[in-house]
PDB file of N, CA and C in Angstrom:
ATOM      1  N   MET A   1      94.482  56.082  95.541  1.00  0.00           N
ATOM      2  CA  MET A   1      93.414  56.201  94.573  1.00  0.00           C
ATOM      3  C   MET A   1      92.475  57.320  95.002  1.00  0.00           C
ATOM      4  N   PHE A   2      91.879  57.983  94.051  1.00  0.00           N
ATOM      5  CA  PHE A   2      90.978  59.099  94.331  1.00  0.00           C
ATOM      6  C   PHE A   2      89.649  58.601  94.879  1.00  0.00           C
ATOM      7  N   ASN A   3      89.171  59.235  95.913  1.00  0.00           N
ATOM      8  CA  ASN A   3      87.902  58.892  96.537  1.00  0.00           C
ATOM      9  C   ASN A   3      87.083  60.176  96.661  1.00  0.00           C
ATOM     10  N   LYS A   4      85.845  60.169  96.202  1.00  0.00           N
ATOM     11  CA  LYS A   4      85.003  61.365  96.232  1.00  0.00           C
ATOM     12  C   LYS A   4      84.774  61.883  97.640  1.00  0.00           C
ATOM     13  N   ASN A   5      84.898  61.019  98.626  1.00  0.00           N
ATOM     14  CA  ASN A   5      84.641  61.420 100.007  1.00  0.00           C
ATOM     15  C   ASN A   5      85.860  62.028 100.695  1.00  0.00           C
ATOM     16  N   GLU A   6      87.013  62.035 100.036  1.00  0.00           N
ATOM     17  CA  GLU A   6      88.212  62.614 100.629  1.00  0.00           C
ATOM     18  C   GLU A   6      88.110  64.136 100.631  1.00  0.00           C
ATOM     19  N   ASN A   7      88.595  64.741 101.699  1.00  0.00           N
ATOM     20  CA  ASN A   7      88.650  66.198 101.767  1.00  0.00           C
ATOM     21  C   ASN A   7      89.935  66.664 101.109  1.00  0.00           C
ATOM     22  N   MET A   8      89.804  67.618 100.196  1.00  0.00           N
ATOM     23  CA  MET A   8      90.954  68.132  99.463  1.00  0.00           C
ATOM     24  C   MET A   8      91.132  69.623  99.771  1.00  0.00           C
ATOM     25  N   GLU A   9      92.370  70.069  99.780  1.00  0.00           N
ATOM     26  CA  GLU A   9      92.704  71.479  99.948  1.00  0.00           C
ATOM     27  C   GLU A   9      93.502  71.910  98.726  1.00  0.00           C
ATOM     28  N   SER A  10      93.077  72.985  98.078  1.00  0.00           N
ATOM     29  CA  SER A  10      93.751  73.468  96.870  1.00  0.00           C
ATOM     30  C   SER A  10      94.829  74.482  97.239  1.00  0.00           C
ATOM     31  N   TYR A  11      95.962  74.386  96.538  1.00  0.00           N
ATOM     32  CA  TYR A  11      97.093  75.277  96.778  1.00  0.00           C
ATOM     33  C   TYR A  11      97.585  75.889  95.475  1.00  0.00           C
ATOM     34  N   THR A  12      98.236  77.033  95.595  1.00  0.00           N
ATOM     35  CA  THR A  12      98.857  77.721  94.473  1.00  0.00           C
ATOM     36  C   THR A  12     100.347  77.818  94.761  1.00  0.00           C
ATOM     37  N   LEU A  13     101.167  77.481  93.769  1.00  0.00           N
ATOM     38  CA  LEU A  13     102.612  77.592  93.895  1.00  0.00           C
ATOM     39  C   LEU A  13     103.073  78.764  93.033  1.00  0.00           C
ATOM     40  N   GLU A  14     103.751  79.711  93.664  1.00  0.00           N
ATOM     41  CA  GLU A  14     104.283  80.883  92.970  1.00  0.00           C
ATOM     42  C   GLU A  14     105.800  80.785  92.952  1.00  0.00           C
ATOM     43  N   GLN A  15     106.417  81.323  91.892  1.00  0.00           N
ATOM     44  CA  GLN A  15     107.873  81.281  91.792  1.00  0.00           C
ATOM     45  C   GLN A  15     108.397  82.604  91.246  1.00  0.00           C
ATOM     46  N   CYS A  16     109.503  83.061  91.834  1.00  0.00           N
ATOM     47  CA  CYS A  16     110.173  84.272  91.368  1.00  0.00           C
ATOM     48  C   CYS A  16     110.960  83.945  90.105  1.00  0.00           C
ATOM     49  N   GLY A  17     110.841  84.782  89.096  1.00  0.00           N
ATOM     50  CA  GLY A  17     111.556  84.571  87.846  1.00  0.00           C
ATOM     51  C   GLY A  17     113.043  84.868  87.953  1.00  0.00           C
ATOM     52  N   SER A  18     113.455  85.643  88.960  1.00  0.00           N
ATOM     53  CA  SER A  18     114.865  86.007  89.109  1.00  0.00           C
ATOM     54  C   SER A  18     115.633  85.038  90.002  1.00  0.00           C
ATOM     55  N   CYS A  19     115.209  84.901  91.252  1.00  0.00           N
ATOM     56  CA  CYS A  19     115.954  84.069  92.207  1.00  0.00           C
ATOM     57  C   CYS A  19     115.393  82.651  92.327  1.00  0.00           C
ATOM     58  N   ARG A  20     114.279  82.364  91.673  1.00  0.00           N
ATOM     59  CA  ARG A  20     113.638  81.033  91.648  1.00  0.00           C
ATOM     60  C   ARG A  20     113.075  80.595  93.002  1.00  0.00           C
ATOM     61  N   LYS A  21     112.962  81.520  93.955  1.00  0.00           N
ATOM     62  CA  LYS A  21     112.364  81.197  95.248  1.00  0.00           C
ATOM     63  C   LYS A  21     110.888  80.864  95.029  1.00  0.00           C
ATOM     64  N   GLN A  22     110.391  79.821  95.743  1.00  0.00           N
ATOM     65  CA  GLN A  22     109.009  79.385  95.581  1.00  0.00           C
ATOM     66  C   GLN A  22     108.198  79.692  96.834  1.00  0.00           C
ATOM     67  N   PHE A  23     106.927  80.001  96.616  1.00  0.00           N
ATOM     68  CA  PHE A  23     106.001  80.313  97.693  1.00  0.00           C
ATOM     69  C   PHE A  23     104.745  79.470  97.512  1.00  0.00           C
ATOM     70  N   LYS A  24     104.331  78.755  98.565  1.00  0.00           N
ATOM     71  CA  LYS A  24     103.107  77.946  98.520  1.00  0.00           C
ATOM     72  C   LYS A  24     102.063  78.640  99.385  1.00  0.00           C
ATOM     73  N   ARG A  25     100.845  78.763  98.837  1.00  0.00           N
ATOM     74  CA  ARG A  25      99.755  79.382  99.588  1.00  0.00           C
ATOM     75  C   ARG A  25      98.441  78.714  99.203  1.00  0.00           C
ATOM     76  N   LYS A  26      97.394  78.970  99.965  1.00  0.00           N
ATOM     77  CA  LYS A  26      96.084  78.427  99.629  1.00  0.00           C
ATOM     78  C   LYS A  26      95.579  79.078  98.344  1.00  0.00           C
ATOM     79  N   PHE A  27      94.873  78.300  97.544  1.00  0.00           N
ATOM     80  CA  PHE A  27      94.296  78.770  96.293  1.00  0.00           C
ATOM     81  C   PHE A  27      93.289  79.884  96.567  1.00  0.00           C
ATOM     82  N   SER A  28      93.317  80.908  95.722  1.00  0.00           N
ATOM     83  CA  SER A  28      92.351  82.001  95.792  1.00  0.00           C
ATOM     84  C   SER A  28      91.578  82.060  94.486  1.00  0.00           C
ATOM     85  N   LYS A  29      90.306  82.396  94.564  1.00  0.00           N
ATOM     86  CA  LYS A  29      89.489  82.523  93.364  1.00  0.00           C
ATOM     87  C   LYS A  29      90.149  83.529  92.420  1.00  0.00           C
ATOM     88  N   GLY A  30      90.275  83.164  91.153  1.00  0.00           N
ATOM     89  CA  GLY A  30      90.912  84.028  90.170  1.00  0.00           C
ATOM     90  C   GLY A  30      92.348  83.638  89.856  1.00  0.00           C
ATOM     91  N   ASP A  31      92.919  82.699  90.620  1.00  0.00           N
ATOM     92  CA  ASP A  31      94.275  82.222  90.338  1.00  0.00           C
ATOM     93  C   ASP A  31      94.287  81.417  89.045  1.00  0.00           C
ATOM     94  N   PHE A  32      95.346  81.582  88.252  1.00  0.00           N
ATOM     95  CA  PHE A  32      95.568  80.755  87.072  1.00  0.00           C
ATOM     96  C   PHE A  32      97.063  80.700  86.789  1.00  0.00           C
ATOM     97  N   VAL A  33      97.503  79.634  86.133  1.00  0.00           N
ATOM     98  CA  VAL A  33      98.917  79.439  85.826  1.00  0.00           C
ATOM     99  C   VAL A  33      99.388  80.555  84.896  1.00  0.00           C
ATOM    100  N   PHE A  34     100.581  81.053  85.136  1.00  0.00           N
ATOM    101  CA  PHE A  34     101.250  82.143  84.428  1.00  0.00           C
ATOM    102  C   PHE A  34     100.717  83.527  84.806  1.00  0.00           C
ATOM    103  N   LYS A  35      99.851  83.612  85.815  1.00  0.00           N
ATOM    104  CA  LYS A  35      99.368  84.912  86.289  1.00  0.00           C
ATOM    105  C   LYS A  35     100.521  85.631  86.981  1.00  0.00           C
ATOM    106  N   ILE A  36     100.738  86.879  86.615  1.00  0.00           N
ATOM    107  CA  ILE A  36     101.802  87.681  87.217  1.00  0.00           C
ATOM    108  C   ILE A  36     101.295  88.221  88.553  1.00  0.00           C
ATOM    109  N   MET A  37     102.073  87.972  89.582  1.00  0.00           N
ATOM    110  CA  MET A  37     101.692  88.385  90.930  1.00  0.00           C
ATOM    111  C   MET A  37     102.568  89.564  91.360  1.00  0.00           C
ATOM    112  N   SER A  38     102.798  89.697  92.647  1.00  0.00           N
ATOM    113  CA  SER A  38     103.565  90.803  93.200  1.00  0.00           C
ATOM    114  C   SER A  38     105.072  90.620  93.000  1.00  0.00           C
ATOM    115  N   LYS A  39     105.835  91.497  93.614  1.00  0.00           N
ATOM    116  CA  LYS A  39     107.294  91.422  93.578  1.00  0.00           C
ATOM    117  C   LYS A  39     107.791  90.453  94.646  1.00  0.00           C
ATOM    118  N   CYS A  40     108.922  89.807  94.383  1.00  0.00           N
ATOM    119  CA  CYS A  40     109.552  88.878  95.319  1.00  0.00           C
ATOM    120  C   CYS A  40     110.043  89.643  96.553  1.00  0.00           C
ATOM    121  N   SER A  41     109.814  89.068  97.727  1.00  0.00           N
ATOM    122  CA  SER A  41     110.249  89.710  98.972  1.00  0.00           C
ATOM    123  C   SER A  41     111.764  89.650  99.154  1.00  0.00           C
ATOM    124  N   SER A  42     112.438  88.736  98.443  1.00  0.00           N
ATOM    125  CA  SER A  42     113.888  88.591  98.574  1.00  0.00           C
ATOM    126  C   SER A  42     114.667  89.488  97.621  1.00  0.00           C
ATOM    127  N   CYS A  43     114.259  89.484  96.329  1.00  0.00           N
ATOM    128  CA  CYS A  43     115.076  90.170  95.317  1.00  0.00           C
ATOM    129  C   CYS A  43     114.304  91.190  94.484  1.00  0.00           C
ATOM    130  N   GLN A  44     113.023  91.376  94.762  1.00  0.00           N
ATOM    131  CA  GLN A  44     112.154  92.295  94.024  1.00  0.00           C
ATOM    132  C   GLN A  44     111.903  91.872  92.575  1.00  0.00           C
ATOM    133  N   GLY A  45     112.186  90.593  92.248  1.00  0.00           N
ATOM    134  CA  GLY A  45     111.890  90.055  90.925  1.00  0.00           C
ATOM    135  C   GLY A  45     110.396  89.799  90.775  1.00  0.00           C
ATOM    136  N   GLN A  46     109.970  89.466  89.560  1.00  0.00           N
ATOM    137  CA  GLN A  46     108.555  89.224  89.273  1.00  0.00           C
ATOM    138  C   GLN A  46     108.144  87.816  89.699  1.00  0.00           C
ATOM    139  N   VAL A  47     107.061  87.691  90.453  1.00  0.00           N
ATOM    140  CA  VAL A  47     106.542  86.406  90.918  1.00  0.00           C
ATOM    141  C   VAL A  47     105.371  85.999  90.030  1.00  0.00           C
ATOM    142  N   VAL A  48     105.390  84.718  89.581  1.00  0.00           N
ATOM    143  CA  VAL A  48     104.380  84.194  88.670  1.00  0.00           C
ATOM    144  C   VAL A  48     103.839  82.885  89.240  1.00  0.00           C
ATOM    145  N   ILE A  49     102.540  82.622  89.039  1.00  0.00           N
ATOM    146  CA  ILE A  49     101.955  81.342  89.448  1.00  0.00           C
ATOM    147  C   ILE A  49     102.444  80.268  88.486  1.00  0.00           C
ATOM    148  N   THR A  50     103.043  79.205  89.028  1.00  0.00           N
ATOM    149  CA  THR A  50     103.585  78.132  88.194  1.00  0.00           C
ATOM    150  C   THR A  50     102.803  76.831  88.298  1.00  0.00           C
ATOM    151  N   LYS A  51     102.034  76.655  89.392  1.00  0.00           N
ATOM    152  CA  LYS A  51     101.324  75.385  89.577  1.00  0.00           C
ATOM    153  C   LYS A  51     100.125  75.590  90.492  1.00  0.00           C
ATOM    154  N   ILE A  52      99.036  74.885  90.185  1.00  0.00           N
ATOM    155  CA  ILE A  52      97.861  74.826  91.051  1.00  0.00           C
ATOM    156  C   ILE A  52      97.565  73.349  91.269  1.00  0.00           C
ATOM    157  N   PHE A  53      97.443  72.946  92.540  1.00  0.00           N
ATOM    158  CA  PHE A  53      97.263  71.529  92.839  1.00  0.00           C
ATOM    159  C   PHE A  53      96.456  71.359  94.117  1.00  0.00           C
ATOM    160  N   ALA A  54      96.068  70.118  94.412  1.00  0.00           N
ATOM    161  CA  ALA A  54      95.305  69.819  95.624  1.00  0.00           C
ATOM    162  C   ALA A  54      95.993  68.704  96.401  1.00  0.00           C
ATOM    163  N   ASP A  55      95.940  68.796  97.719  1.00  0.00           N
ATOM    164  CA  ASP A  55      96.440  67.762  98.620  1.00  0.00           C
ATOM    165  C   ASP A  55      95.261  67.188  99.389  1.00  0.00           C
ATOM    166  N   THR A  56      95.347  65.893  99.679  1.00  0.00           N
ATOM    167  CA  THR A  56      94.322  65.236 100.477  1.00  0.00           C
ATOM    168  C   THR A  56      94.555  65.554 101.947  1.00  0.00           C
ATOM    169  N   LEU A  57      93.506  65.959 102.642  1.00  0.00           N
ATOM    170  CA  LEU A  57      93.599  66.228 104.070  1.00  0.00           C
ATOM    171  C   LEU A  57      93.427  64.923 104.824  1.00  0.00           C
ATOM    172  N   ILE A  58      94.332  64.664 105.754  1.00  0.00           N
ATOM    173  CA  ILE A  58      94.278  63.439 106.552  1.00  0.00           C
ATOM    174  C   ILE A  58      93.398  63.709 107.770  1.00  0.00           C
ATOM    175  N   PRO A  59      92.368  62.884 107.980  1.00  0.00           N
ATOM    176  CA  PRO A  59      91.450  63.120 109.108  1.00  0.00           C
ATOM    177  C   PRO A  59      92.102  62.888 110.453  1.00  0.00           C
TER     178      PRO A  59
END
């Protein structure tokens, strides 16, 4: 259950449109879903933000 006192960390999930490789990183101001990012390091395909979410930090 959600508790206001829990510490949360926001993350951004990026995915390559060509090879479908996924990259998880910390959320940055200005991130939004479907934002076009850089080229994929594996295949040079286009990387797009697919998900923004938060995880609870365990003390």
